[in-house]
N, C-alpha and C. Protein backbone atom coordinates (compact mmCIF):
# COMPACT_ATOMS: atom_id res chain seq x y z
N MET A 1 29.36 20.12 83.76
CA MET A 1 29.11 21.29 82.93
C MET A 1 28.67 22.44 83.82
N LYS A 2 29.34 23.61 83.69
CA LYS A 2 28.97 24.78 84.47
C LYS A 2 27.63 25.33 83.98
N GLU A 3 26.90 25.91 84.90
CA GLU A 3 25.58 26.45 84.56
C GLU A 3 25.49 27.88 85.08
N CYS A 4 24.84 28.74 84.34
CA CYS A 4 24.68 30.14 84.73
C CYS A 4 23.93 30.23 86.05
N PRO A 5 24.41 31.02 86.99
CA PRO A 5 23.72 31.16 88.27
C PRO A 5 22.39 31.90 88.15
N ASN A 6 22.15 32.57 87.02
CA ASN A 6 20.92 33.32 86.82
C ASN A 6 19.89 32.55 86.00
N LEU A 7 20.17 31.30 85.69
CA LEU A 7 19.30 30.53 84.80
C LEU A 7 17.88 30.39 85.35
N GLU A 8 17.73 30.16 86.61
CA GLU A 8 16.40 29.97 87.21
C GLU A 8 15.53 31.21 87.08
N ASN A 9 16.14 32.41 87.20
CA ASN A 9 15.37 33.65 87.22
C ASN A 9 15.51 34.48 85.95
N CYS A 10 16.03 33.90 84.89
CA CYS A 10 16.26 34.65 83.66
C CYS A 10 14.93 34.99 82.99
N LYS A 11 14.63 36.28 82.90
CA LYS A 11 13.36 36.72 82.31
C LYS A 11 13.37 36.55 80.80
N PHE A 12 14.54 36.58 80.20
CA PHE A 12 14.65 36.44 78.75
C PHE A 12 14.12 35.09 78.27
N LEU A 13 14.47 34.03 78.98
CA LEU A 13 14.06 32.69 78.55
C LEU A 13 12.60 32.41 78.84
N LYS A 14 12.02 33.09 79.80
CA LYS A 14 10.62 32.86 80.14
C LYS A 14 9.67 33.42 79.10
N ASN A 15 10.15 34.29 78.21
CA ASN A 15 9.30 34.92 77.21
C ASN A 15 9.16 34.11 75.93
N PHE A 16 9.84 32.98 75.85
CA PHE A 16 9.76 32.17 74.64
C PHE A 16 8.55 31.25 74.67
N SER A 17 7.76 31.31 73.60
CA SER A 17 6.63 30.39 73.50
C SER A 17 7.07 29.06 72.90
N ASN A 18 8.17 29.06 72.16
CA ASN A 18 8.70 27.85 71.54
C ASN A 18 9.74 27.24 72.49
N GLN A 19 9.40 26.13 73.08
CA GLN A 19 10.27 25.49 74.07
C GLN A 19 11.58 24.99 73.44
N LYS A 20 11.53 24.51 72.21
CA LYS A 20 12.75 24.02 71.57
C LYS A 20 13.75 25.15 71.34
N CYS A 21 13.25 26.31 70.97
CA CYS A 21 14.11 27.47 70.77
C CYS A 21 14.75 27.88 72.11
N ALA A 22 13.96 27.88 73.17
CA ALA A 22 14.48 28.21 74.50
C ALA A 22 15.55 27.21 74.92
N GLU A 23 15.32 25.93 74.68
CA GLU A 23 16.31 24.90 75.03
C GLU A 23 17.61 25.08 74.25
N ALA A 24 17.49 25.47 72.98
CA ALA A 24 18.69 25.70 72.16
C ALA A 24 19.49 26.88 72.72
N LEU A 25 18.79 27.95 73.11
CA LEU A 25 19.47 29.10 73.68
C LEU A 25 20.11 28.76 75.02
N ILE A 26 19.45 27.93 75.80
CA ILE A 26 20.01 27.50 77.08
C ILE A 26 21.31 26.73 76.86
N MET A 27 21.31 25.84 75.87
CA MET A 27 22.51 25.08 75.57
C MET A 27 23.65 26.00 75.09
N LEU A 28 23.30 27.03 74.29
CA LEU A 28 24.32 27.92 73.75
C LEU A 28 24.87 28.90 74.79
N TYR A 29 23.97 29.48 75.59
CA TYR A 29 24.38 30.59 76.44
C TYR A 29 24.38 30.30 77.93
N CYS A 30 23.53 29.41 78.40
CA CYS A 30 23.36 29.25 79.84
C CYS A 30 24.18 28.10 80.43
N LYS A 31 24.61 27.20 79.61
CA LYS A 31 25.38 26.06 80.11
C LYS A 31 26.78 26.10 79.55
N ASP A 32 27.73 25.90 80.38
CA ASP A 32 29.14 25.79 80.06
C ASP A 32 29.80 27.11 79.67
N ASP A 33 29.21 27.90 78.77
CA ASP A 33 29.85 29.11 78.27
C ASP A 33 28.99 30.34 78.57
N TYR A 34 28.46 30.41 79.78
CA TYR A 34 27.51 31.48 80.11
C TYR A 34 28.16 32.84 80.29
N GLU A 35 29.49 32.91 80.33
CA GLU A 35 30.17 34.20 80.49
C GLU A 35 29.99 35.09 79.26
N LYS A 36 29.59 34.51 78.13
CA LYS A 36 29.36 35.30 76.92
C LYS A 36 27.97 35.93 76.88
N CYS A 37 27.09 35.51 77.75
CA CYS A 37 25.71 36.00 77.78
C CYS A 37 25.70 37.47 78.22
N ALA A 38 25.02 38.32 77.45
CA ALA A 38 24.97 39.75 77.76
C ALA A 38 24.27 40.01 79.09
N ARG A 39 23.21 39.27 79.37
CA ARG A 39 22.49 39.46 80.63
C ARG A 39 23.37 39.07 81.83
N TYR A 40 24.15 38.02 81.68
CA TYR A 40 25.06 37.63 82.76
C TYR A 40 26.11 38.71 82.99
N LYS A 41 26.65 39.26 81.90
CA LYS A 41 27.67 40.30 82.03
C LYS A 41 27.11 41.53 82.75
N ILE A 42 25.90 41.93 82.39
CA ILE A 42 25.29 43.10 83.02
C ILE A 42 25.05 42.85 84.50
N LYS A 43 24.51 41.66 84.84
CA LYS A 43 24.28 41.35 86.25
C LYS A 43 25.59 41.29 87.02
N ALA A 44 26.63 40.73 86.42
CA ALA A 44 27.92 40.65 87.09
C ALA A 44 28.50 42.05 87.33
N GLU A 45 28.34 42.95 86.35
CA GLU A 45 28.82 44.32 86.52
C GLU A 45 28.06 45.04 87.62
N CYS A 46 26.75 44.85 87.65
CA CYS A 46 25.94 45.51 88.68
C CYS A 46 26.30 45.02 90.07
N LYS A 47 26.61 43.74 90.20
CA LYS A 47 26.97 43.20 91.52
C LYS A 47 28.34 43.70 91.95
N SER A 48 29.26 43.83 90.99
CA SER A 48 30.62 44.18 91.36
C SER A 48 30.81 45.69 91.53
N SER A 49 29.99 46.49 90.87
CA SER A 49 30.18 47.94 90.97
C SER A 49 29.02 48.57 91.72
N ASP A 50 29.24 48.84 92.98
CA ASP A 50 28.25 49.53 93.78
C ASP A 50 28.54 51.02 93.85
N GLY A 51 29.41 51.51 93.00
CA GLY A 51 29.79 52.91 93.01
C GLY A 51 28.62 53.84 92.77
N LEU A 52 27.78 53.48 91.79
CA LEU A 52 26.62 54.33 91.49
C LEU A 52 25.66 54.36 92.68
N ARG A 53 25.46 53.21 93.30
CA ARG A 53 24.57 53.18 94.46
C ARG A 53 25.11 54.04 95.60
N LYS A 54 26.43 54.01 95.79
CA LYS A 54 27.04 54.84 96.84
C LYS A 54 26.86 56.31 96.54
N ILE A 55 27.03 56.69 95.28
CA ILE A 55 26.85 58.09 94.89
C ILE A 55 25.41 58.51 95.11
N ILE A 56 24.46 57.64 94.74
CA ILE A 56 23.04 57.97 94.92
C ILE A 56 22.72 58.11 96.40
N ARG A 57 23.22 57.20 97.24
CA ARG A 57 22.98 57.30 98.68
C ARG A 57 23.59 58.58 99.25
N TRP A 58 24.80 58.93 98.79
CA TRP A 58 25.45 60.15 99.23
C TRP A 58 24.62 61.37 98.85
N PHE A 59 24.12 61.38 97.60
CA PHE A 59 23.30 62.50 97.14
C PHE A 59 22.01 62.60 97.96
N GLU A 60 21.37 61.45 98.22
CA GLU A 60 20.14 61.45 99.01
C GLU A 60 20.41 61.94 100.44
N LYS A 61 21.55 61.58 100.98
CA LYS A 61 21.90 62.00 102.34
C LYS A 61 22.09 63.51 102.40
N ILE A 62 22.76 64.06 101.40
CA ILE A 62 23.02 65.51 101.40
C ILE A 62 21.74 66.31 101.15
N THR A 63 20.95 65.89 100.15
CA THR A 63 19.78 66.67 99.76
C THR A 63 18.54 66.32 100.56
N GLY A 64 18.52 65.17 101.18
CA GLY A 64 17.32 64.73 101.87
C GLY A 64 16.27 64.15 100.93
N GLU A 65 16.62 64.04 99.67
CA GLU A 65 15.69 63.48 98.67
C GLU A 65 15.73 61.97 98.71
N LYS A 66 14.59 61.35 98.86
CA LYS A 66 14.52 59.89 98.84
C LYS A 66 14.07 59.37 97.47
N LEU A 67 13.59 60.26 96.64
CA LEU A 67 13.06 59.84 95.35
C LEU A 67 14.00 60.19 94.20
N PHE A 68 15.29 60.28 94.49
CA PHE A 68 16.26 60.67 93.47
C PHE A 68 16.22 59.72 92.27
N LEU A 69 16.20 58.42 92.52
CA LEU A 69 16.19 57.45 91.42
C LEU A 69 14.95 57.57 90.57
N LYS A 70 13.79 57.76 91.20
CA LYS A 70 12.55 57.90 90.43
C LYS A 70 12.60 59.15 89.57
N LYS A 71 13.13 60.24 90.12
CA LYS A 71 13.25 61.46 89.33
C LYS A 71 14.24 61.27 88.18
N LEU A 72 15.32 60.59 88.45
CA LEU A 72 16.30 60.33 87.41
C LEU A 72 15.70 59.49 86.28
N LYS A 73 14.93 58.47 86.64
CA LYS A 73 14.28 57.64 85.63
C LYS A 73 13.28 58.45 84.82
N ALA A 74 12.57 59.38 85.48
CA ALA A 74 11.61 60.23 84.77
C ALA A 74 12.32 61.13 83.77
N VAL A 75 13.45 61.68 84.16
CA VAL A 75 14.22 62.55 83.26
C VAL A 75 14.74 61.75 82.08
N ILE A 76 15.24 60.56 82.33
CA ILE A 76 15.72 59.71 81.24
C ILE A 76 14.58 59.36 80.30
N HIS A 77 13.41 59.09 80.84
CA HIS A 77 12.24 58.78 80.01
C HIS A 77 11.87 59.97 79.13
N ILE A 78 11.89 61.17 79.71
CA ILE A 78 11.55 62.37 78.93
C ILE A 78 12.54 62.57 77.79
N PHE A 79 13.84 62.39 78.06
CA PHE A 79 14.83 62.54 77.01
C PHE A 79 14.67 61.46 75.94
N THR A 80 14.29 60.27 76.34
CA THR A 80 14.08 59.19 75.37
C THR A 80 12.91 59.52 74.44
N VAL A 81 11.82 59.99 75.02
CA VAL A 81 10.66 60.37 74.21
C VAL A 81 11.03 61.51 73.28
N PHE A 82 11.75 62.49 73.79
CA PHE A 82 12.19 63.62 72.97
C PHE A 82 13.08 63.14 71.83
N TYR A 83 14.00 62.23 72.10
CA TYR A 83 14.88 61.67 71.07
C TYR A 83 14.07 61.01 69.97
N TYR A 84 13.09 60.19 70.34
CA TYR A 84 12.27 59.51 69.34
C TYR A 84 11.44 60.50 68.54
N PHE A 85 10.96 61.54 69.17
CA PHE A 85 10.22 62.57 68.46
C PHE A 85 11.10 63.22 67.40
N ILE A 86 12.32 63.59 67.77
CA ILE A 86 13.25 64.21 66.82
C ILE A 86 13.60 63.24 65.70
N PHE A 87 13.81 61.98 66.06
CA PHE A 87 14.14 60.95 65.08
C PHE A 87 13.03 60.82 64.03
N ILE A 88 11.79 60.75 64.49
CA ILE A 88 10.66 60.61 63.57
C ILE A 88 10.49 61.87 62.73
N TYR A 89 10.66 63.04 63.35
CA TYR A 89 10.53 64.31 62.64
C TYR A 89 11.57 64.42 61.52
N ILE A 90 12.81 64.06 61.80
CA ILE A 90 13.86 64.12 60.78
C ILE A 90 13.55 63.17 59.63
N HIS A 91 13.11 61.97 59.96
CA HIS A 91 12.76 61.02 58.90
C HIS A 91 11.56 61.50 58.10
N PHE A 92 10.62 62.16 58.74
CA PHE A 92 9.48 62.72 58.04
C PHE A 92 9.95 63.79 57.06
N LEU A 93 10.85 64.67 57.51
CA LEU A 93 11.37 65.72 56.62
C LEU A 93 12.15 65.12 55.46
N LEU A 94 12.95 64.10 55.74
CA LEU A 94 13.69 63.45 54.65
C LEU A 94 12.74 62.82 53.64
N PHE A 95 11.66 62.25 54.12
CA PHE A 95 10.67 61.66 53.21
C PHE A 95 10.01 62.72 52.37
N ILE A 96 9.62 63.85 52.97
CA ILE A 96 8.95 64.93 52.25
C ILE A 96 9.88 65.51 51.18
N TYR A 97 11.13 65.74 51.55
CA TYR A 97 12.06 66.34 50.60
C TYR A 97 12.52 65.37 49.51
N SER A 98 12.35 64.11 49.73
CA SER A 98 12.73 63.14 48.71
C SER A 98 11.67 62.98 47.63
N LEU A 99 10.47 63.51 47.87
CA LEU A 99 9.40 63.40 46.87
C LEU A 99 9.61 64.28 45.72
């Protein structure tokens, strides 16, 4: 039976407090048919596509910025917070107008 190469280090399975549930998920996703696992697919894509890393290295080389990724993550975080703020605000307005 084939086994997922990421099984030992899978953070998803380590978060289960119920061992029987974790074992059931291992049987469904980690053994024999692990290609259907979303985490495996993402890891496989990241390993096979180094294009983004090359672009980031190229950008860092041109600009001299070594913290490009940290800045990018900060910008993404700000947009995420802004999105949730707008989402909550719209739902608040819908609630007020529905009264």
